[in-house]
Amino acid sequence: MTHRSARTQAGATLIIALVMLVAMSMLAIWGYHSSTANMRIVGNTQARVETQAAAEAAIEKVLSTSGFKDDPAATAQSTVDVKVNGTTYTAHFAKPTCYKAKVIKQTELDVDAASDAQCIKGSSQGGPMSDDDAGTAGNSLCSTSEWQVGATVTDPATGASETVNEGVAVRVLTEVVTASCPV
């Protein structure tokens, strides 16, 4: 009887060892799939963050040009190349949308500020307005306009695409903004 009992125990040990081997193999396969899925998620997130950074950098690049202040609608209709982490991205701009403009009153301007000089009526006809004109002059030559500027960037390696929209207020000559924005 002892001999038969030892045989039965050897068979049970083999079955338990095989079950443990299958369980450990399944655990290893699950770990592999889990780690590769996590790596894909991290890679996609990195590509998305880089394309978003490239779109924001492109918008800042366009907004900082002197041409945007002079004619926002014409300046931002283009493509701009920007470099982020060693990769060059091309940002494509849609036509910026002006959704509001407000004419600046003469009384809101500082006659001593160089930035307000182009806006003061009479500055091109012999200097800034006098104190007597300030209360009665009404509208200046400038308006504060609010624009929505959008850029779309696609990562050439991964195909990740990101669109960033940014609102910006710009002081422009009223004659420039009236063609593309309700005053």
Protein backbone atom coordinates (compact mmCIF):
# COMPACT_ATOMS: atom_id res chain seq x y z
CA MET A 1 0.00 0.00 0.00
CA THR A 2 2.74 2.43 0.65
CA HIS A 3 4.08 1.89 -2.80
CA ARG A 4 0.76 2.82 -4.40
CA SER A 5 0.43 5.88 -2.21
CA ALA A 6 3.84 7.19 -3.32
CA ARG A 7 2.82 6.75 -6.96
CA THR A 8 -0.39 8.70 -6.46
CA GLN A 9 1.51 11.49 -4.75
CA ALA A 10 4.01 11.71 -7.65
CA GLY A 11 1.12 12.07 -10.13
CA ALA A 12 -0.53 14.79 -8.02
CA THR A 13 2.77 16.67 -7.77
CA LEU A 14 3.13 16.58 -11.53
CA ILE A 15 -0.40 17.93 -12.07
CA ILE A 16 0.10 20.70 -9.49
CA ALA A 17 3.43 21.63 -11.09
CA LEU A 18 1.80 21.80 -14.55
CA VAL A 19 -1.06 23.99 -13.25
CA MET A 20 1.47 26.32 -11.58
CA LEU A 21 3.51 26.46 -14.81
CA VAL A 22 0.41 27.36 -16.84
CA ALA A 23 -0.60 29.99 -14.26
CA MET A 24 2.87 31.57 -14.28
CA SER A 25 2.94 31.54 -18.09
CA MET A 26 -0.43 33.30 -18.22
CA LEU A 27 0.80 35.84 -15.67
CA ALA A 28 3.91 36.50 -17.78
CA ILE A 29 1.82 36.94 -20.93
CA TRP A 30 -0.55 39.32 -19.13
CA GLY A 31 2.44 41.34 -17.84
CA TYR A 32 3.90 41.57 -21.34
CA HIS A 33 0.63 42.76 -22.88
CA SER A 34 0.07 45.20 -20.04
CA SER A 35 3.52 46.74 -20.38
CA THR A 36 3.29 47.07 -24.18
CA ALA A 37 -0.14 48.68 -23.86
CA ASN A 38 1.25 51.12 -21.31
CA MET A 39 4.18 51.93 -23.59
CA ARG A 40 1.76 52.68 -26.43
CA ILE A 41 -0.28 54.93 -24.16
CA VAL A 42 2.84 56.80 -23.04
CA GLY A 43 4.08 57.14 -26.63
CA ASN A 44 0.72 58.46 -27.82
CA THR A 45 0.54 60.91 -24.93
CA GLN A 46 4.05 62.15 -25.67
CA ALA A 47 3.22 62.63 -29.37
CA ARG A 48 0.03 64.52 -28.44
CA VAL A 49 1.84 66.77 -25.97
CA GLU A 50 4.58 67.53 -28.49
CA THR A 51 2.10 68.40 -31.25
CA GLN A 52 0.16 70.59 -28.83
CA ALA A 53 3.39 72.35 -27.81
CA ALA A 54 4.27 72.84 -31.48
CA ALA A 55 0.84 74.35 -32.22
CA GLU A 56 1.12 76.71 -29.25
CA ALA A 57 4.66 77.71 -30.27
CA ALA A 58 3.49 78.40 -33.82
CA ILE A 59 0.63 80.59 -32.57
CA GLU A 60 3.02 82.52 -30.32
CA LYS A 61 5.43 82.92 -33.24
CA VAL A 62 2.68 84.40 -35.42
CA LEU A 63 1.27 86.61 -32.66
CA SER A 64 4.69 88.07 -31.91
CA THR A 65 5.26 89.26 -35.49
CA SER A 66 4.77 92.93 -36.20
CA GLY A 67 2.60 91.97 -39.17
CA PHE A 68 -0.07 90.47 -36.92
CA LYS A 69 -0.61 93.82 -35.24
CA ASP A 70 -0.86 95.58 -38.60
CA ASP A 71 -3.17 93.08 -40.32
CA PRO A 72 -4.16 90.04 -38.23
CA ALA A 73 -6.37 88.43 -40.88
CA ALA A 74 -3.64 88.35 -43.52
CA THR A 75 -0.71 87.49 -41.26
CA ALA A 76 -2.04 84.31 -39.68
CA GLN A 77 -3.21 82.67 -42.93
CA SER A 78 -0.12 80.61 -43.52
CA THR A 79 1.97 77.69 -42.43
CA VAL A 80 4.73 78.05 -39.87
CA ASP A 81 7.55 75.64 -39.08
CA VAL A 82 8.51 75.22 -35.43
CA LYS A 83 11.00 72.92 -33.74
CA VAL A 84 10.08 71.01 -30.57
CA ASN A 85 12.49 68.54 -28.97
CA GLY A 86 14.55 68.29 -32.14
CA THR A 87 11.57 67.58 -34.42
CA THR A 88 10.34 70.15 -36.93
CA TYR A 89 6.57 70.45 -37.15
CA THR A 90 4.53 72.42 -39.66
CA ALA A 91 1.56 74.29 -38.24
CA HIS A 92 -1.32 75.05 -40.57
CA PHE A 93 -3.39 78.11 -39.75
CA ALA A 94 -7.01 78.64 -40.60
CA LYS A 95 -8.15 82.17 -41.32
CA PRO A 96 -8.30 83.93 -37.95
CA THR A 97 -11.75 84.99 -36.86
CA CYS A 98 -12.42 88.41 -35.44
CA TYR A 99 -15.41 88.17 -33.17
CA LYS A 100 -15.43 91.59 -31.58
CA ALA A 101 -13.97 95.04 -32.04
CA LYS A 102 -14.42 98.17 -30.00
CA VAL A 103 -13.37 101.61 -31.14
CA ILE A 104 -11.07 103.26 -28.60
CA LYS A 105 -12.21 106.70 -27.48
CA GLN A 106 -9.78 109.62 -27.69
CA THR A 107 -10.16 110.14 -23.94
CA GLU A 108 -8.86 106.60 -23.28
CA LEU A 109 -5.51 107.32 -24.96
CA ASP A 110 -2.36 108.65 -23.33
CA VAL A 111 -1.08 111.54 -25.42
CA ASP A 112 2.42 111.05 -24.01
CA ALA A 113 2.64 107.31 -24.86
CA ALA A 114 4.40 106.39 -28.09
CA SER A 115 2.15 103.35 -28.52
CA ASP A 116 -0.95 105.60 -28.63
CA ALA A 117 0.50 108.12 -31.11
CA GLN A 118 -0.86 106.41 -34.26
CA CYS A 119 -4.33 106.26 -32.71
CA ILE A 120 -4.74 109.94 -31.84
CA LYS A 121 -6.71 111.94 -34.37
CA GLY A 122 -4.72 114.92 -35.48
CA SER A 123 -1.33 113.29 -34.80
CA SER A 124 -0.69 113.02 -38.53
CA GLN A 125 -1.83 116.61 -39.09
CA GLY A 126 0.73 118.37 -36.97
CA GLY A 127 1.07 116.64 -33.63
CA PRO A 128 -1.07 115.32 -30.82
CA MET A 129 -4.43 116.72 -29.93
CA SER A 130 -4.69 119.51 -27.44
CA ASP A 131 -6.36 119.24 -24.04
CA ASP A 132 -9.32 121.19 -25.44
CA ASP A 133 -9.88 118.54 -28.14
CA ALA A 134 -9.66 115.57 -25.75
CA GLY A 135 -13.19 115.81 -24.40
CA THR A 136 -14.94 116.42 -27.73
CA ALA A 137 -12.91 114.39 -30.22
CA GLY A 138 -14.92 111.13 -29.80
CA ASN A 139 -13.47 108.04 -31.47
CA SER A 140 -9.77 107.55 -32.06
CA LEU A 141 -8.25 105.97 -35.15
CA CYS A 142 -7.76 102.62 -33.37
CA SER A 143 -9.90 99.75 -32.17
CA THR A 144 -9.30 96.90 -29.76
CA SER A 145 -10.11 93.76 -31.69
CA GLU A 146 -10.47 90.23 -30.35
CA TRP A 147 -9.38 87.37 -32.57
CA GLN A 148 -9.51 83.60 -32.45
CA VAL A 149 -6.36 82.15 -33.96
CA GLY A 150 -6.13 78.40 -34.56
CA ALA A 151 -3.26 76.15 -35.61
CA THR A 152 -3.28 72.46 -36.48
CA VAL A 153 -0.12 70.37 -36.24
CA THR A 154 0.30 66.73 -37.30
CA ASP A 155 3.23 64.62 -36.13
CA PRO A 156 4.79 63.16 -39.28
CA ALA A 157 6.06 60.06 -37.46
CA THR A 158 2.95 59.01 -35.53
CA GLY A 159 0.13 60.82 -37.30
CA ALA A 160 -0.97 62.43 -34.02
CA SER A 161 -2.81 65.65 -34.75
CA GLU A 162 -3.64 68.51 -32.42
CA THR A 163 -5.58 71.73 -33.01
CA VAL A 164 -5.05 74.63 -30.64
CA ASN A 165 -7.25 77.74 -30.59
CA GLU A 166 -6.18 80.88 -28.78
CA GLY A 167 -7.97 84.16 -28.25
CA VAL A 168 -6.00 87.38 -28.45
CA ALA A 169 -6.84 91.06 -28.17
CA VAL A 170 -4.99 93.36 -30.54
CA ARG A 171 -5.04 97.12 -30.97
CA VAL A 172 -5.23 97.90 -34.68
CA LEU A 173 -6.23 100.82 -36.85
CA THR A 174 -10.00 100.88 -37.21
CA GLU A 175 -9.72 101.04 -41.01
CA VAL A 176 -7.84 97.73 -40.99
CA VAL A 177 -10.25 95.87 -38.71
CA THR A 178 -13.54 97.07 -40.24
CA ALA A 179 -13.11 94.81 -43.27
CA SER A 180 -12.99 91.62 -41.20
CA CYS A 181 -14.61 92.39 -37.87
CA PRO A 182 -17.87 93.86 -36.62
CA VAL A 183 -17.17 97.20 -34.94
